[in-house]
Protein backbone atom coordinates (compact mmCIF):
# COMPACT_ATOMS: atom_id res chain seq x y z
CA MET A 1 2.19 25.08 -15.16
CA ILE A 2 2.44 21.31 -14.86
CA ASP A 3 0.20 19.54 -17.37
CA LEU A 4 -0.29 15.83 -16.63
CA SER A 5 -1.62 15.26 -20.14
CA ALA A 6 1.56 16.57 -21.77
CA PRO A 7 3.40 13.93 -23.88
CA GLU A 8 6.53 14.06 -21.71
CA MET A 9 4.48 13.48 -18.54
CA GLN A 10 2.54 10.60 -20.12
CA SER A 11 5.86 9.08 -21.23
CA THR A 12 7.15 9.35 -17.65
CA PHE A 13 4.05 7.64 -16.24
CA LYS A 14 4.38 4.77 -18.73
CA LYS A 15 8.08 4.38 -17.96
CA LEU A 16 7.46 4.25 -14.20
CA GLN A 17 4.65 1.73 -14.71
CA ARG A 18 7.08 -0.51 -16.62
CA VAL A 19 9.77 -0.03 -13.96
CA SER A 20 7.35 -1.08 -11.21
CA PHE A 21 6.25 -4.17 -13.16
CA ILE A 22 9.80 -5.25 -13.96
CA THR A 23 10.96 -4.60 -10.39
CA ASN A 24 8.15 -6.68 -8.91
CA VAL A 25 8.80 -9.57 -11.30
CA VAL A 26 12.55 -9.55 -10.68
CA MET A 27 12.08 -9.36 -6.91
CA CYS A 28 9.76 -12.38 -6.98
CA VAL A 29 12.10 -14.39 -9.21
CA VAL A 30 15.20 -13.61 -7.14
CA THR A 31 13.44 -14.35 -3.85
CA VAL A 32 12.08 -17.70 -5.07
CA ALA A 33 15.44 -18.61 -6.64
CA CYS A 34 17.39 -17.85 -3.45
CA VAL A 35 15.00 -19.84 -1.28
CA ALA A 36 15.06 -22.75 -3.76
CA ILE A 37 18.86 -22.79 -3.88
CA ALA A 38 19.07 -22.58 -0.09
CA ILE A 39 16.73 -25.55 0.28
CA TRP A 40 18.61 -27.48 -2.43
CA ILE A 41 21.94 -26.87 -0.66
CA SER A 42 20.53 -27.97 2.70
CA VAL A 43 19.37 -31.24 1.08
CA ILE A 44 22.47 -32.20 -0.94
CA MET A 45 24.94 -31.19 1.78
CA ARG A 46 23.47 -33.14 4.67
CA GLY A 47 26.87 -34.66 5.36
CA TYR A 48 28.43 -31.21 5.49
CA THR A 49 26.14 -29.53 7.98
CA ASP A 50 28.38 -26.57 8.75
CA TRP A 51 28.83 -25.61 5.08
CA ALA A 52 25.15 -26.12 4.37
CA VAL A 53 24.16 -23.83 7.23
CA ILE A 54 26.69 -21.17 6.19
CA LEU A 55 25.56 -21.16 2.56
CA PHE A 56 21.91 -21.20 3.65
CA TYR A 57 22.37 -18.03 5.71
CA ILE A 58 24.44 -16.35 3.00
CA LEU A 59 21.64 -16.86 0.50
CA LEU A 60 19.00 -15.66 2.94
CA ALA A 61 21.13 -12.57 3.63
CA LEU A 62 21.26 -11.83 -0.09
CA ILE A 63 17.47 -11.46 -0.26
CA PRO A 64 17.15 -8.40 2.04
CA ALA A 65 20.37 -6.95 0.54
CA TYR A 66 18.84 -7.20 -2.92
CA LEU A 67 15.54 -5.73 -1.73
CA ILE A 68 17.39 -2.74 -0.25
CA PHE A 69 19.23 -2.26 -3.55
CA ILE A 70 15.91 -2.29 -5.44
CA LEU A 71 14.36 0.23 -3.05
CA VAL A 72 17.33 2.61 -3.39
CA TRP A 73 17.26 2.22 -7.18
CA GLU A 74 13.52 2.93 -7.34
CA PHE A 75 13.95 5.94 -5.06
CA LYS A 76 16.48 7.45 -7.46
CA VAL A 77 14.40 6.63 -10.53
CA ARG A 78 11.30 8.24 -9.01
CA LYS A 79 12.95 11.27 -7.41
CA GLY A 80 12.12 13.74 -10.21
CA TYR A 81 8.63 12.30 -10.57
CA ARG A 82 7.87 12.75 -6.88
CA GLU A 83 8.98 16.38 -6.94
CA THR A 84 6.85 17.08 -10.03
CA MET A 85 3.75 15.55 -8.41
CA HIS A 86 4.25 17.59 -5.23
CA ARG A 87 4.59 20.76 -7.27
CA TYR A 88 1.50 19.83 -9.31
CA VAL A 89 -0.51 19.67 -6.09
CA ALA A 90 0.98 22.95 -4.83
CA GLN A 91 -0.10 24.49 -8.13
CA GLY A 92 -3.67 23.40 -7.41
CA PHE A 93 -3.67 25.36 -4.15
CA GLU A 94 -2.46 28.61 -5.72
CA GLY A 95 -4.92 31.44 -5.07
CA LYS A 96 -6.92 29.31 -2.62
CA THR A 97 -7.47 30.67 0.88
CA PHE A 98 -9.79 28.10 2.45
CA LEU A 99 -7.02 26.54 4.55
CA GLN A 100 -6.42 29.87 6.27
CA GLY A 101 -8.10 31.26 9.39
CA GLY A 102 -10.12 29.77 12.21
CA ARG A 103 -8.93 27.81 15.22
CA ILE A 104 -10.54 24.57 14.00
CA ALA A 105 -10.11 23.10 10.53
CA ASN A 106 -11.99 20.02 9.37
CA LEU A 107 -11.20 18.96 5.83
CA GLU A 108 -12.43 16.20 3.56
CA LEU A 109 -10.74 14.66 0.54
CA SER A 110 -13.16 12.96 -1.83
CA ILE A 111 -13.55 11.89 -5.45
CA ALA A 112 -15.98 13.63 -7.79
CA GLY A 113 -15.99 12.17 -11.28
CA ASP A 114 -12.40 12.29 -12.47
CA ASN A 115 -11.42 14.85 -9.85
CA LEU A 116 -9.92 14.71 -6.40
CA VAL A 117 -11.56 17.44 -4.33
CA LEU A 118 -10.40 18.87 -1.01
CA MET A 119 -12.99 20.90 0.90
CA ARG A 120 -13.11 22.54 4.31
CA GLU A 121 -16.17 22.23 6.51
CA GLY A 122 -18.13 25.50 6.60
CA ASN A 123 -16.29 26.93 3.61
CA GLY A 124 -17.58 27.03 0.04
CA GLU A 125 -14.12 27.11 -1.53
CA TYR A 126 -12.24 23.99 -2.55
CA ALA A 127 -9.19 22.71 -4.39
CA LYS A 128 -9.78 20.39 -7.36
CA PHE A 129 -7.26 18.11 -9.04
CA ASP A 130 -8.08 16.63 -12.44
CA LEU A 131 -7.17 12.94 -12.65
CA SER A 132 -8.54 12.34 -16.14
CA PRO A 133 -5.05 12.31 -17.74
CA VAL A 134 -3.84 9.66 -15.27
CA THR A 135 -6.84 7.38 -14.66
CA ALA A 136 -4.93 4.57 -16.40
CA TYR A 137 -2.16 4.86 -13.79
CA THR A 138 -3.49 3.84 -10.39
CA GLY A 139 -0.17 4.51 -8.73
CA VAL A 140 -0.11 8.10 -9.99
CA CYS A 141 -3.65 8.76 -8.73
CA GLY A 142 -2.72 7.37 -5.32
CA TYR A 143 0.43 9.46 -5.20
CA ILE A 144 -1.44 12.67 -5.99
CA ALA A 145 -3.77 11.91 -3.06
CA LYS A 146 -0.69 11.41 -0.87
CA CYS A 147 0.75 14.75 -2.02
CA ILE A 148 -2.52 16.50 -1.11
CA LYS A 149 -2.35 14.90 2.32
CA ASP A 150 1.27 16.05 2.65
CA TYR A 151 0.26 19.60 1.74
CA VAL A 152 -2.42 19.67 4.43
CA TYR A 153 -0.06 18.25 7.07
CA ASP A 154 2.67 20.73 6.13
CA TYR A 155 0.36 23.74 6.00
CA TYR A 156 -1.13 23.13 9.42
CA TYR A 157 2.21 22.08 10.89
CA LEU A 158 3.49 25.59 10.15
CA ALA A 159 0.20 27.20 11.20
CA ALA A 160 0.30 25.37 14.55
CA LYS A 161 3.91 26.45 15.07
CA ARG A 162 2.70 30.05 14.71
CA GLY A 163 -0.15 29.42 17.14
CA GLU A 164 -2.82 29.98 14.50
CA VAL A 165 -4.74 26.71 14.77
CA GLU A 166 -5.94 24.63 17.71
CA SER A 167 -7.30 21.57 15.92
CA ALA A 168 -7.14 20.22 12.38
CA LYS A 169 -8.12 16.91 10.87
CA LEU A 170 -8.38 15.41 7.41
CA VAL A 171 -11.06 12.92 6.43
CA ASN A 172 -10.03 10.77 3.46
CA ASN A 173 -13.23 9.63 1.77
CA VAL A 174 -11.70 8.76 -1.61
CA HIS A 175 -12.49 5.04 -1.41
CA GLY A 176 -15.95 5.52 0.07
CA LYS A 177 -14.87 4.47 3.56
CA ALA A 178 -13.98 7.55 5.57
CA LYS A 179 -10.63 7.47 7.35
CA VAL A 180 -9.83 10.26 9.78
CA TYR A 181 -6.30 11.63 10.08
CA PRO A 182 -5.61 14.00 12.99
CA VAL A 183 -3.29 16.78 11.84
CA VAL A 184 -3.17 19.15 14.81
CA GLU A 185 -4.40 18.36 18.32
CA GLY A 186 -4.42 20.84 21.20
CA GLY A 187 -2.44 23.30 19.13
CA THR A 188 0.34 20.76 18.55
CA PRO A 189 1.13 19.10 15.19
CA VAL A 190 0.77 15.32 15.41
CA ARG A 191 3.71 14.78 13.06
CA GLU A 192 7.13 16.34 12.66
CA ARG A 193 7.27 17.91 9.18
CA GLU A 194 10.55 19.82 9.02
CA LYS A 195 11.96 17.41 6.43
CA SER A 196 8.79 17.06 4.35
CA PHE A 197 8.73 18.39 0.79
CA TYR A 198 6.64 21.53 1.10
CA VAL A 199 8.44 22.74 4.24
CA LYS A 200 11.94 21.68 3.24
CA HIS A 201 11.72 23.31 -0.21
CA GLY A 202 10.07 26.49 1.08
CA VAL A 203 6.86 25.97 -0.89
CA LEU A 204 4.99 26.62 2.38
CA LYS A 205 6.35 29.08 4.93
């Protein structure tokens, strides 16, 4: 069982929060510095137009290269965290059957107190995810909501492939403004999910 309030999990959340802050600050500083240097070079080397242009473009090329490096680095840093969050959500669906059955599935994701709740229209059962241990970490709360969305997409992707569902949609009402996400239309999944977490790792079959 994954416990978000466990000391090791709280330590991970704090670490990732620091990583995000430092990354954002460094990205801003590097971007501003590169642009400033490029402008400075273009001013002081007016008599050497070719060199100024070359150096200007080299500096501008360094910005996206650095951003790509940061993104790859963050991906590696967060890899274990992402898997843990996906498995935490899968844990919340254990023993739940409300996604099963019926040709039409209309679901709603909403917030109730400190809980994210996923319900299916016409069904009294629901899945509840306690956010109280992570309310101080907005990014974690948002990522759990994303993992729930992934689970729904993956579940109905496989169900549609088996011909078990004709239509499925998810209404995200977490922020008070409902946003509708079509999941299956006309018996066909709207997104390819073969490489998504729950399908790729065999959590859903």
